[in-house]
C-alpha atoms as a PDB file:
ATOM      1  CA  MET A   1      17.562  26.734   8.160  1.00  0.00           C
ATOM      2  CA  ALA A   2      16.140  24.246  10.167  1.00  0.00           C
ATOM      3  CA  HIS A   3      11.942  23.641   9.495  1.00  0.00           C
ATOM      4  CA  SER A   4       9.328  22.076  11.251  1.00  0.00           C
ATOM      5  CA  TRP A   5       6.450  20.569  10.926  1.00  0.00           C
ATOM      6  CA  ASP A   6       3.067  21.072  12.064  1.00  0.00           C
ATOM      7  CA  PRO A   7       1.252  17.972  13.053  1.00  0.00           C
ATOM      8  CA  ASP A   8      -2.626  19.878  12.636  1.00  0.00           C
ATOM      9  CA  ARG A   9      -1.495  20.633   9.125  1.00  0.00           C
ATOM     10  CA  TYR A  10      -0.124  17.249   7.870  1.00  0.00           C
ATOM     11  CA  LEU A  11      -3.269  15.484   9.403  1.00  0.00           C
ATOM     12  CA  THR A  12      -5.855  17.118   7.627  1.00  0.00           C
ATOM     13  CA  PHE A  13      -6.313  15.020   4.751  1.00  0.00           C
ATOM     14  CA  ALA A  14      -4.986  12.167   7.294  1.00  0.00           C
ATOM     15  CA  ASP A  15      -6.767   9.235   5.969  1.00  0.00           C
ATOM     16  CA  GLU A  16      -5.715   9.842   2.522  1.00  0.00           C
ATOM     17  CA  ARG A  17      -1.657  10.259   4.176  1.00  0.00           C
ATOM     18  CA  GLY A  18      -2.396   6.832   6.022  1.00  0.00           C
ATOM     19  CA  ARG A  19      -4.311   4.490   2.674  1.00  0.00           C
ATOM     20  CA  PRO A  20      -0.358   3.716   1.519  1.00  0.00           C
ATOM     21  CA  PHE A  21       1.073   2.808   4.877  1.00  0.00           C
ATOM     22  CA  VAL A  22      -2.143   0.516   5.220  1.00  0.00           C
ATOM     23  CA  GLU A  23      -1.524  -0.975   1.732  1.00  0.00           C
ATOM     24  CA  LEU A  24       2.124  -1.279   2.563  1.00  0.00           C
ATOM     25  CA  LEU A  25       1.300  -2.906   5.496  1.00  0.00           C
ATOM     26  CA  ALA A  26      -0.346  -5.468   4.087  1.00  0.00           C
ATOM     27  CA  ARG A  27       2.430  -6.792   2.054  1.00  0.00           C
ATOM     28  CA  VAL A  28       4.703  -7.217   4.945  1.00  0.00           C
ATOM     29  CA  GLY A  29       4.675 -11.125   5.735  1.00  0.00           C
ATOM     30  CA  ALA A  30       6.227 -11.489   9.478  1.00  0.00           C
ATOM     31  CA  ASP A  31       4.147 -13.080  11.940  1.00  0.00           C
ATOM     32  CA  ALA A  32       5.587 -12.242  15.141  1.00  0.00           C
ATOM     33  CA  PRO A  33       8.430  -9.835  14.797  1.00  0.00           C
ATOM     34  CA  HIS A  34       9.626  -9.185  18.466  1.00  0.00           C
ATOM     35  CA  ARG A  35      10.720  -5.408  17.638  1.00  0.00           C
ATOM     36  CA  VAL A  36       9.397  -3.087  14.976  1.00  0.00           C
ATOM     37  CA  VAL A  37      10.246   0.169  14.065  1.00  0.00           C
ATOM     38  CA  ASP A  38       8.428   3.079  12.240  1.00  0.00           C
ATOM     39  CA  LEU A  39      11.489   5.243  11.057  1.00  0.00           C
ATOM     40  CA  GLY A  40      10.104   8.905  10.509  1.00  0.00           C
ATOM     41  CA  CYS A  41       6.918   8.619  12.100  1.00  0.00           C
ATOM     42  CA  GLY A  42       5.889  12.120  11.924  1.00  0.00           C
ATOM     43  CA  ALA A  43       2.761  12.688  14.765  1.00  0.00           C
ATOM     44  CA  GLY A  44       2.673   8.373  15.301  1.00  0.00           C
ATOM     45  CA  TYR A  45      -0.837   8.175  14.652  1.00  0.00           C
ATOM     46  CA  LEU A  46      -0.788   5.027  11.823  1.00  0.00           C
ATOM     47  CA  THR A  47       2.624   3.736  14.194  1.00  0.00           C
ATOM     48  CA  VAL A  48       0.076   2.487  16.841  1.00  0.00           C
ATOM     49  CA  LEU A  49      -1.618   0.439  13.596  1.00  0.00           C
ATOM     50  CA  LEU A  50       2.312  -1.411  14.327  1.00  0.00           C
ATOM     51  CA  ALA A  51       0.790  -2.392  17.345  1.00  0.00           C
ATOM     52  CA  ARG A  52      -2.733  -3.586  16.499  1.00  0.00           C
ATOM     53  CA  ARG A  53      -1.103  -5.955  13.938  1.00  0.00           C
ATOM     54  CA  TRP A  54       1.931  -7.111  15.709  1.00  0.00           C
ATOM     55  CA  PRO A  55       0.249  -6.652  19.900  1.00  0.00           C
ATOM     56  CA  GLN A  56       3.393  -9.198  21.611  1.00  0.00           C
ATOM     57  CA  ALA A  57       5.714  -7.161  19.465  1.00  0.00           C
ATOM     58  CA  GLN A  58       8.230  -3.896  21.344  1.00  0.00           C
ATOM     59  CA  ILE A  59       7.039  -0.824  19.046  1.00  0.00           C
ATOM     60  CA  LEU A  60       8.954   2.529  18.849  1.00  0.00           C
ATOM     61  CA  GLY A  61       8.175   5.044  16.117  1.00  0.00           C
ATOM     62  CA  VAL A  62      11.023   7.801  15.625  1.00  0.00           C
ATOM     63  CA  ASP A  63      11.033  10.815  13.967  1.00  0.00           C
ATOM     64  CA  SER A  64      13.366  14.183  13.648  1.00  0.00           C
ATOM     65  CA  SER A  65      10.626  16.517  14.413  1.00  0.00           C
ATOM     66  CA  SER A  66       9.896  17.310  18.286  1.00  0.00           C
ATOM     67  CA  GLU A  67       6.920  18.609  17.313  1.00  0.00           C
ATOM     68  CA  MET A  68       5.395  15.395  16.006  1.00  0.00           C
ATOM     69  CA  ILE A  69       7.085  13.319  18.388  1.00  0.00           C
ATOM     70  CA  ASN A  70       5.163  15.835  21.161  1.00  0.00           C
ATOM     71  CA  ALA A  71       1.716  15.420  19.152  1.00  0.00           C
ATOM     72  CA  ALA A  72       2.201  11.090  19.465  1.00  0.00           C
ATOM     73  CA  PRO A  73      -0.554   9.375  21.308  1.00  0.00           C
ATOM     74  CA  VAL A  74       0.541   8.030  24.491  1.00  0.00           C
ATOM     75  CA  GLY A  75      -0.855   4.658  25.919  1.00  0.00           C
ATOM     76  CA  GLU A  76      -1.291   2.980  22.949  1.00  0.00           C
ATOM     77  CA  GLY A  77       1.030  -0.177  22.781  1.00  0.00           C
ATOM     78  CA  VAL A  78       4.160   2.202  20.938  1.00  0.00           C
ATOM     79  CA  SER A  79       6.966   4.180  22.592  1.00  0.00           C
ATOM     80  CA  PHE A  80       8.254   7.198  20.673  1.00  0.00           C
ATOM     81  CA  SER A  81      11.924   9.395  20.188  1.00  0.00           C
ATOM     82  CA  VAL A  82      13.302  11.921  18.236  1.00  0.00           C
ATOM     83  CA  GLY A  83      15.808  10.262  16.063  1.00  0.00           C
ATOM     84  CA  ASP A  84      17.404  11.241  12.520  1.00  0.00           C
ATOM     85  CA  ILE A  85      16.609   8.948  10.027  1.00  0.00           C
ATOM     86  CA  ALA A  86      20.267   9.177   8.417  1.00  0.00           C
ATOM     87  CA  SER A  87      21.975   8.702  11.771  1.00  0.00           C
ATOM     88  CA  TRP A  88      19.861   6.205  13.352  1.00  0.00           C
ATOM     89  CA  VAL A  89      21.392   3.144  14.117  1.00  0.00           C
ATOM     90  CA  PRO A  90      19.186   0.614  16.260  1.00  0.00           C
ATOM     91  CA  ALA A  91      20.322  -1.151  19.445  1.00  0.00           C
ATOM     92  CA  GLU A  92      19.901  -4.435  18.003  1.00  0.00           C
ATOM     93  CA  PRO A  93      18.816  -5.894  14.729  1.00  0.00           C
ATOM     94  CA  VAL A  94      14.583  -5.420  14.458  1.00  0.00           C
ATOM     95  CA  GLY A  95      12.172  -7.725  12.543  1.00  0.00           C
ATOM     96  CA  VAL A  96      10.366  -5.012  10.986  1.00  0.00           C
ATOM     97  CA  LEU A  97      11.283  -1.643   9.740  1.00  0.00           C
ATOM     98  CA  VAL A  98       8.917   0.800   8.437  1.00  0.00           C
ATOM     99  CA  SER A  99       9.141   4.077   7.045  1.00  0.00           C
ATOM    100  CA  ASN A 100       6.313   5.663   5.061  1.00  0.00           C
ATOM    101  CA  ALA A 101       6.753   9.287   3.273  1.00  0.00           C
ATOM    102  CA  ALA A 102       9.996  10.190   4.774  1.00  0.00           C
ATOM    103  CA  LEU A 103      12.635   8.624   3.116  1.00  0.00           C
ATOM    104  CA  GLN A 104      12.367  11.261   0.589  1.00  0.00           C
ATOM    105  CA  TRP A 105      13.204  13.814   2.398  1.00  0.00           C
ATOM    106  CA  VAL A 106      17.325  12.434   3.250  1.00  0.00           C
ATOM    107  CA  PRO A 107      19.650  13.232   0.109  1.00  0.00           C
ATOM    108  CA  GLY A 108      20.714  10.443  -1.024  1.00  0.00           C
ATOM    109  CA  HIS A 109      19.157   7.813   0.411  1.00  0.00           C
ATOM    110  CA  LEU A 110      20.054   5.116  -2.321  1.00  0.00           C
ATOM    111  CA  ASP A 111      23.280   5.132   0.398  1.00  0.00           C
ATOM    112  CA  LEU A 112      21.087   4.289   3.353  1.00  0.00           C
ATOM    113  CA  LEU A 113      19.588   1.364   1.633  1.00  0.00           C
ATOM    114  CA  PRO A 114      22.687  -0.527   3.147  1.00  0.00           C
ATOM    115  CA  ARG A 115      22.756   0.513   6.667  1.00  0.00           C
ATOM    116  CA  LEU A 116      19.058  -0.355   6.715  1.00  0.00           C
ATOM    117  CA  VAL A 117      19.242  -3.640   5.631  1.00  0.00           C
ATOM    118  CA  GLU A 118      22.201  -4.192   8.367  1.00  0.00           C
ATOM    119  CA  ALA A 119      19.729  -2.934  11.004  1.00  0.00           C
ATOM    120  CA  VAL A 120      16.899  -5.520  10.177  1.00  0.00           C
ATOM    121  CA  ALA A 121      17.317  -9.239  11.418  1.00  0.00           C
ATOM    122  CA  PRO A 122      17.909 -11.755   9.041  1.00  0.00           C
ATOM    123  CA  GLY A 123      14.774 -13.117   7.868  1.00  0.00           C
ATOM    124  CA  GLY A 124      13.361  -9.980   8.847  1.00  0.00           C
ATOM    125  CA  TRP A 125      11.528  -6.622   6.775  1.00  0.00           C
ATOM    126  CA  LEU A 126      12.187  -3.887   5.344  1.00  0.00           C
ATOM    127  CA  ALA A 127       9.680  -1.656   3.793  1.00  0.00           C
ATOM    128  CA  PHE A 128       9.049   1.522   2.991  1.00  0.00           C
ATOM    129  CA  GLN A 129       7.118   4.331   1.006  1.00  0.00           C
ATOM    130  CA  VAL A 130       7.447   7.271  -1.163  1.00  0.00           C
ATOM    131  CA  PRO A 131       6.136   9.882  -2.899  1.00  0.00           C
ATOM    132  CA  GLY A 132       6.803   9.786  -6.320  1.00  0.00           C
ATOM    133  CA  ASN A 133       4.696  13.020  -7.960  1.00  0.00           C
ATOM    134  CA  PHE A 134       7.781  15.437  -8.344  1.00  0.00           C
ATOM    135  CA  GLU A 135       7.669  16.206 -11.479  1.00  0.00           C
ATOM    136  CA  GLU A 136       3.608  17.109 -10.693  1.00  0.00           C
ATOM    137  CA  PRO A 137       2.336  21.016 -10.898  1.00  0.00           C
ATOM    138  CA  SER A 138       2.182  21.083  -7.067  1.00  0.00           C
ATOM    139  CA  HIS A 139       6.116  19.984  -7.094  1.00  0.00           C
ATOM    140  CA  THR A 140       6.837  22.306 -10.533  1.00  0.00           C
ATOM    141  CA  ILE A 141       5.208  25.280  -9.688  1.00  0.00           C
ATOM    142  CA  ARG A 142       6.627  25.572  -6.228  1.00  0.00           C
ATOM    143  CA  ARG A 143      10.077  25.356  -7.840  1.00  0.00           C
ATOM    144  CA  GLU A 144       9.258  28.038  -9.830  1.00  0.00           C
ATOM    145  CA  LEU A 145       7.882  30.348  -8.205  1.00  0.00           C
ATOM    146  CA  ALA A 146      10.760  30.162  -5.461  1.00  0.00           C
ATOM    147  CA  ALA A 147      13.068  30.460  -8.295  1.00  0.00           C
ATOM    148  CA  GLU A 148      11.543  34.141  -8.935  1.00  0.00           C
ATOM    149  CA  ALA A 149      12.331  37.031  -7.685  1.00  0.00           C
ATOM    150  CA  PRO A 150      11.859  38.423  -5.026  1.00  0.00           C
ATOM    151  CA  TYR A 151      11.881  34.869  -3.694  1.00  0.00           C
ATOM    152  CA  ALA A 152      14.770  32.726  -4.745  1.00  0.00           C
ATOM    153  CA  GLU A 153      17.885  34.682  -2.385  1.00  0.00           C
ATOM    154  CA  HIS A 154      15.780  33.347   0.461  1.00  0.00           C
ATOM    155  CA  THR A 155      14.788  29.383  -0.839  1.00  0.00           C
ATOM    156  CA  ALA A 156      17.596  28.626  -2.339  1.00  0.00           C
ATOM    157  CA  GLY A 157      19.824  25.374  -0.891  1.00  0.00           C
ATOM    158  CA  VAL A 158      15.993  25.127   1.292  1.00  0.00           C
ATOM    159  CA  ALA A 159      15.203  20.886   1.723  1.00  0.00           C
ATOM    160  CA  THR A 160      13.484  19.610  -0.940  1.00  0.00           C
ATOM    161  CA  PRO A 161      11.763  15.869  -1.751  1.00  0.00           C
ATOM    162  CA  ASP A 162      12.993  13.348  -3.811  1.00  0.00           C
ATOM    163  CA  ALA A 163      12.702   9.705  -4.480  1.00  0.00           C
ATOM    164  CA  HIS A 164      13.602   7.014  -7.235  1.00  0.00           C
ATOM    165  CA  ASP A 165      10.997   4.750  -9.232  1.00  0.00           C
ATOM    166  CA  ALA A 166      10.332   1.059  -8.289  1.00  0.00           C
ATOM    167  CA  ALA A 167      13.040  -0.859 -10.182  1.00  0.00           C
ATOM    168  CA  ARG A 168      15.724   1.479  -9.159  1.00  0.00           C
ATOM    169  CA  TYR A 169      15.211   0.010  -5.643  1.00  0.00           C
ATOM    170  CA  LEU A 170      14.098  -2.920  -6.798  1.00  0.00           C
ATOM    171  CA  SER A 171      17.607  -3.333  -8.052  1.00  0.00           C
ATOM    172  CA  VAL A 172      19.681  -2.315  -4.985  1.00  0.00           C
ATOM    173  CA  LEU A 173      17.985  -4.130  -2.874  1.00  0.00           C
ATOM    174  CA  SER A 174      18.716  -7.132  -5.007  1.00  0.00           C
ATOM    175  CA  GLY A 175      22.189  -6.314  -4.866  1.00  0.00           C
ATOM    176  CA  LEU A 176      22.055  -6.374  -0.606  1.00  0.00           C
ATOM    177  CA  GLY A 177      20.936  -9.759  -1.040  1.00  0.00           C
ATOM    178  CA  CYS A 178      17.097  -9.402   0.010  1.00  0.00           C
ATOM    179  CA  SER A 179      13.960 -10.561  -1.391  1.00  0.00           C
ATOM    180  CA  VAL A 180      11.837  -7.357  -3.337  1.00  0.00           C
ATOM    181  CA  ASP A 181       8.172  -6.573  -4.068  1.00  0.00           C
ATOM    182  CA  ALA A 182       8.717  -3.045  -5.620  1.00  0.00           C
ATOM    183  CA  TRP A 183       5.439  -1.257  -7.501  1.00  0.00           C
ATOM    184  CA  GLU A 184       4.019   1.594  -7.879  1.00  0.00           C
ATOM    185  CA  THR A 185       0.276   2.931  -7.514  1.00  0.00           C
ATOM    186  CA  THR A 186      -1.160   6.154  -8.532  1.00  0.00           C
ATOM    187  CA  TYR A 187      -4.156   7.362  -6.322  1.00  0.00           C
ATOM    188  CA  LEU A 188      -6.636  10.501  -7.324  1.00  0.00           C
ATOM    189  CA  HIS A 189      -7.644  12.165  -4.606  1.00  0.00           C
ATOM    190  CA  VAL A 190     -10.755  13.819  -4.475  1.00  0.00           C
ATOM    191  CA  LEU A 191      -9.967  17.209  -2.373  1.00  0.00           C
ATOM    192  CA  ARG A 192     -12.717  19.223  -1.175  1.00  0.00           C
ATOM    193  CA  GLY A 193     -12.175  22.896   1.003  1.00  0.00           C
ATOM    194  CA  GLU A 194     -10.436  26.379   0.180  1.00  0.00           C
ATOM    195  CA  ASP A 195      -7.600  25.878  -2.342  1.00  0.00           C
ATOM    196  CA  PRO A 196      -6.876  21.949  -0.880  1.00  0.00           C
ATOM    197  CA  VAL A 197      -4.037  21.190  -2.973  1.00  0.00           C
ATOM    198  CA  PHE A 198      -2.659  24.122  -1.363  1.00  0.00           C
ATOM    199  CA  THR A 199      -3.413  22.582   1.810  1.00  0.00           C
ATOM    200  CA  TRP A 200      -2.282  19.675   1.053  1.00  0.00           C
ATOM    201  CA  VAL A 201       0.707  20.436  -0.203  1.00  0.00           C
ATOM    202  CA  SER A 202       1.949  23.418   2.820  1.00  0.00           C
ATOM    203  CA  GLY A 203       1.372  20.523   5.371  1.00  0.00           C
ATOM    204  CA  THR A 204       4.536  18.379   3.213  1.00  0.00           C
ATOM    205  CA  GLY A 205       6.693  19.421   0.750  1.00  0.00           C
ATOM    206  CA  ALA A 206       6.074  22.764   0.626  1.00  0.00           C
ATOM    207  CA  ARG A 207       6.370  23.533   4.089  1.00  0.00           C
ATOM    208  CA  PRO A 208      10.390  24.206   4.029  1.00  0.00           C
ATOM    209  CA  THR A 209      10.049  26.355   1.190  1.00  0.00           C
ATOM    210  CA  LEU A 210       7.111  28.503   3.033  1.00  0.00           C
ATOM    211  CA  GLN A 211       9.170  28.570   6.342  1.00  0.00           C
ATOM    212  CA  ALA A 212      12.775  29.764   4.547  1.00  0.00           C
ATOM    213  CA  LEU A 213      10.685  33.045   3.445  1.00  0.00           C
ATOM    214  CA  PRO A 214      10.208  36.092   5.608  1.00  0.00           C
ATOM    215  CA  ASP A 215       7.083  36.850   6.832  1.00  0.00           C
ATOM    216  CA  GLU A 216       7.022  40.378   4.609  1.00  0.00           C
ATOM    217  CA  LEU A 217       7.022  38.225   1.755  1.00  0.00           C
ATOM    218  CA  ARG A 218       4.990  34.364   2.533  1.00  0.00           C
ATOM    219  CA  PRO A 219       1.768  36.031   2.358  1.00  0.00           C
ATOM    220  CA  ALA A 220       2.490  37.695  -1.438  1.00  0.00           C
ATOM    221  CA  PHE A 221       3.936  33.885  -2.538  1.00  0.00           C
ATOM    222  CA  GLU A 222       1.233  31.874  -0.541  1.00  0.00           C
ATOM    223  CA  GLN A 223      -1.563  33.902  -2.629  1.00  0.00           C
ATOM    224  CA  GLU A 224       0.534  33.397  -6.477  1.00  0.00           C
ATOM    225  CA  PHE A 225       0.866  29.883  -5.336  1.00  0.00           C
ATOM    226  CA  LYS A 226      -2.392  29.143  -4.851  1.00  0.00           C
ATOM    227  CA  ARG A 227      -3.605  31.020  -7.848  1.00  0.00           C
ATOM    228  CA  ARG A 228      -1.311  29.134  -9.674  1.00  0.00           C
ATOM    229  CA  LEU A 229      -2.882  25.678  -8.323  1.00  0.00           C
ATOM    230  CA  ARG A 230      -6.222  26.529  -8.930  1.00  0.00           C
ATOM    231  CA  GLU A 231      -5.460  26.532 -12.965  1.00  0.00           C
ATOM    232  CA  ALA A 232      -3.261  23.877 -12.404  1.00  0.00           C
ATOM    233  CA  TYR A 233      -6.096  21.838 -10.657  1.00  0.00           C
ATOM    234  CA  PRO A 234      -9.070  23.423 -11.272  1.00  0.00           C
ATOM    235  CA  GLU A 235     -12.336  22.814  -9.139  1.00  0.00           C
ATOM    236  CA  ARG A 236     -15.475  20.422 -10.676  1.00  0.00           C
ATOM    237  CA  ASP A 237     -18.454  20.090  -8.768  1.00  0.00           C
ATOM    238  CA  GLY A 238     -17.155  21.137  -5.676  1.00  0.00           C
ATOM    239  CA  ALA A 239     -14.003  19.113  -5.658  1.00  0.00           C
ATOM    240  CA  VAL A 240     -10.655  18.993  -7.593  1.00  0.00           C
ATOM    241  CA  VAL A 241      -9.029  16.250  -8.331  1.00  0.00           C
ATOM    242  CA  LEU A 242      -5.002  15.761  -6.970  1.00  0.00           C
ATOM    243  CA  PRO A 243      -3.244  12.674  -9.035  1.00  0.00           C
ATOM    244  CA  PHE A 244      -0.482  11.153  -6.828  1.00  0.00           C
ATOM    245  CA  ARG A 245       1.920   8.435  -7.819  1.00  0.00           C
ATOM    246  CA  ARG A 246       3.810   6.729  -4.721  1.00  0.00           C
ATOM    247  CA  VAL A 247       6.297   3.796  -4.821  1.00  0.00           C
ATOM    248  CA  PHE A 248       6.412   0.743  -2.302  1.00  0.00           C
ATOM    249  CA  VAL A 249       9.020  -1.158  -1.193  1.00  0.00           C
ATOM    250  CA  VAL A 250       8.731  -4.547   0.395  1.00  0.00           C
ATOM    251  CA  ALA A 251      12.210  -6.251   0.962  1.00  0.00           C
ATOM    252  CA  ARG A 252      12.893  -9.471   3.070  1.00  0.00           C
ATOM    253  CA  ARG A 253      16.702  -9.611   4.513  1.00  0.00           C
ATOM    254  CA  GLY A 254      18.287 -13.497   3.736  1.00  0.00           C
ATOM    255  CA  ALA A 255      18.108 -15.315   6.240  1.00  0.00           C
ATOM    256  CA  SER A 256      22.066 -15.629   5.816  1.00  0.00           C
ATOM    257  CA  SER A 257      22.850 -12.054   3.783  1.00  0.00           C
ATOM    258  CA  THR A 258      25.417 -10.720   4.398  1.00  0.00           C
ATOM    259  CA  LEU A 259      26.363  -6.479   4.169  1.00  0.00           C
END
């Protein structure tokens, strides 16, 4: 089933979610690109940073969620449109193509990389960041619980995120003629509030699972999910620590590379 995104829930931890974008952008060496695209831009609150970095560029944010695009800021020097990463093709090659925490939702996205590189002008930049924490309790608990009765019949085949390690992306993009800078970072997010890990995952990785459940089953699922998350991430001194590994890739297309 199709799932929708809640901008308010996603932005609950806006600072924690935004930091990887800023650190990714810092490694992009473009001076004066003409066109910059943020692919999978969400609610666009980070896309406006691109306009500040390159004020003379045409900045476009693209996301498959109309809810997110409708929540995007207006008048910040950025235009937004609804589009699917898996099929998106620019009208002309772009100077910088950025994708922040979005490719993990595209099944088989390694196969998409040649087309994304081709969307970048020779000498231009492709930069993306994806989560690398899918074997952490925040994900494994959801998968295990969703596979139990009575939930399994409703959650089978639901969209789930996945990604590769930095070495895999480096290998693929180097093979496409790019100069590649790839690395991994594990953030230790200190979260506060009631069931903060549940709040975090319910805005991202767990959202399609939660939406797939019928109304009469969702409260019990959420209650048990919260209980297991509290066990996995115990509160200490009023806070919970959520380790979050992320994978970063910055690739520059060769000036004479062909695909």
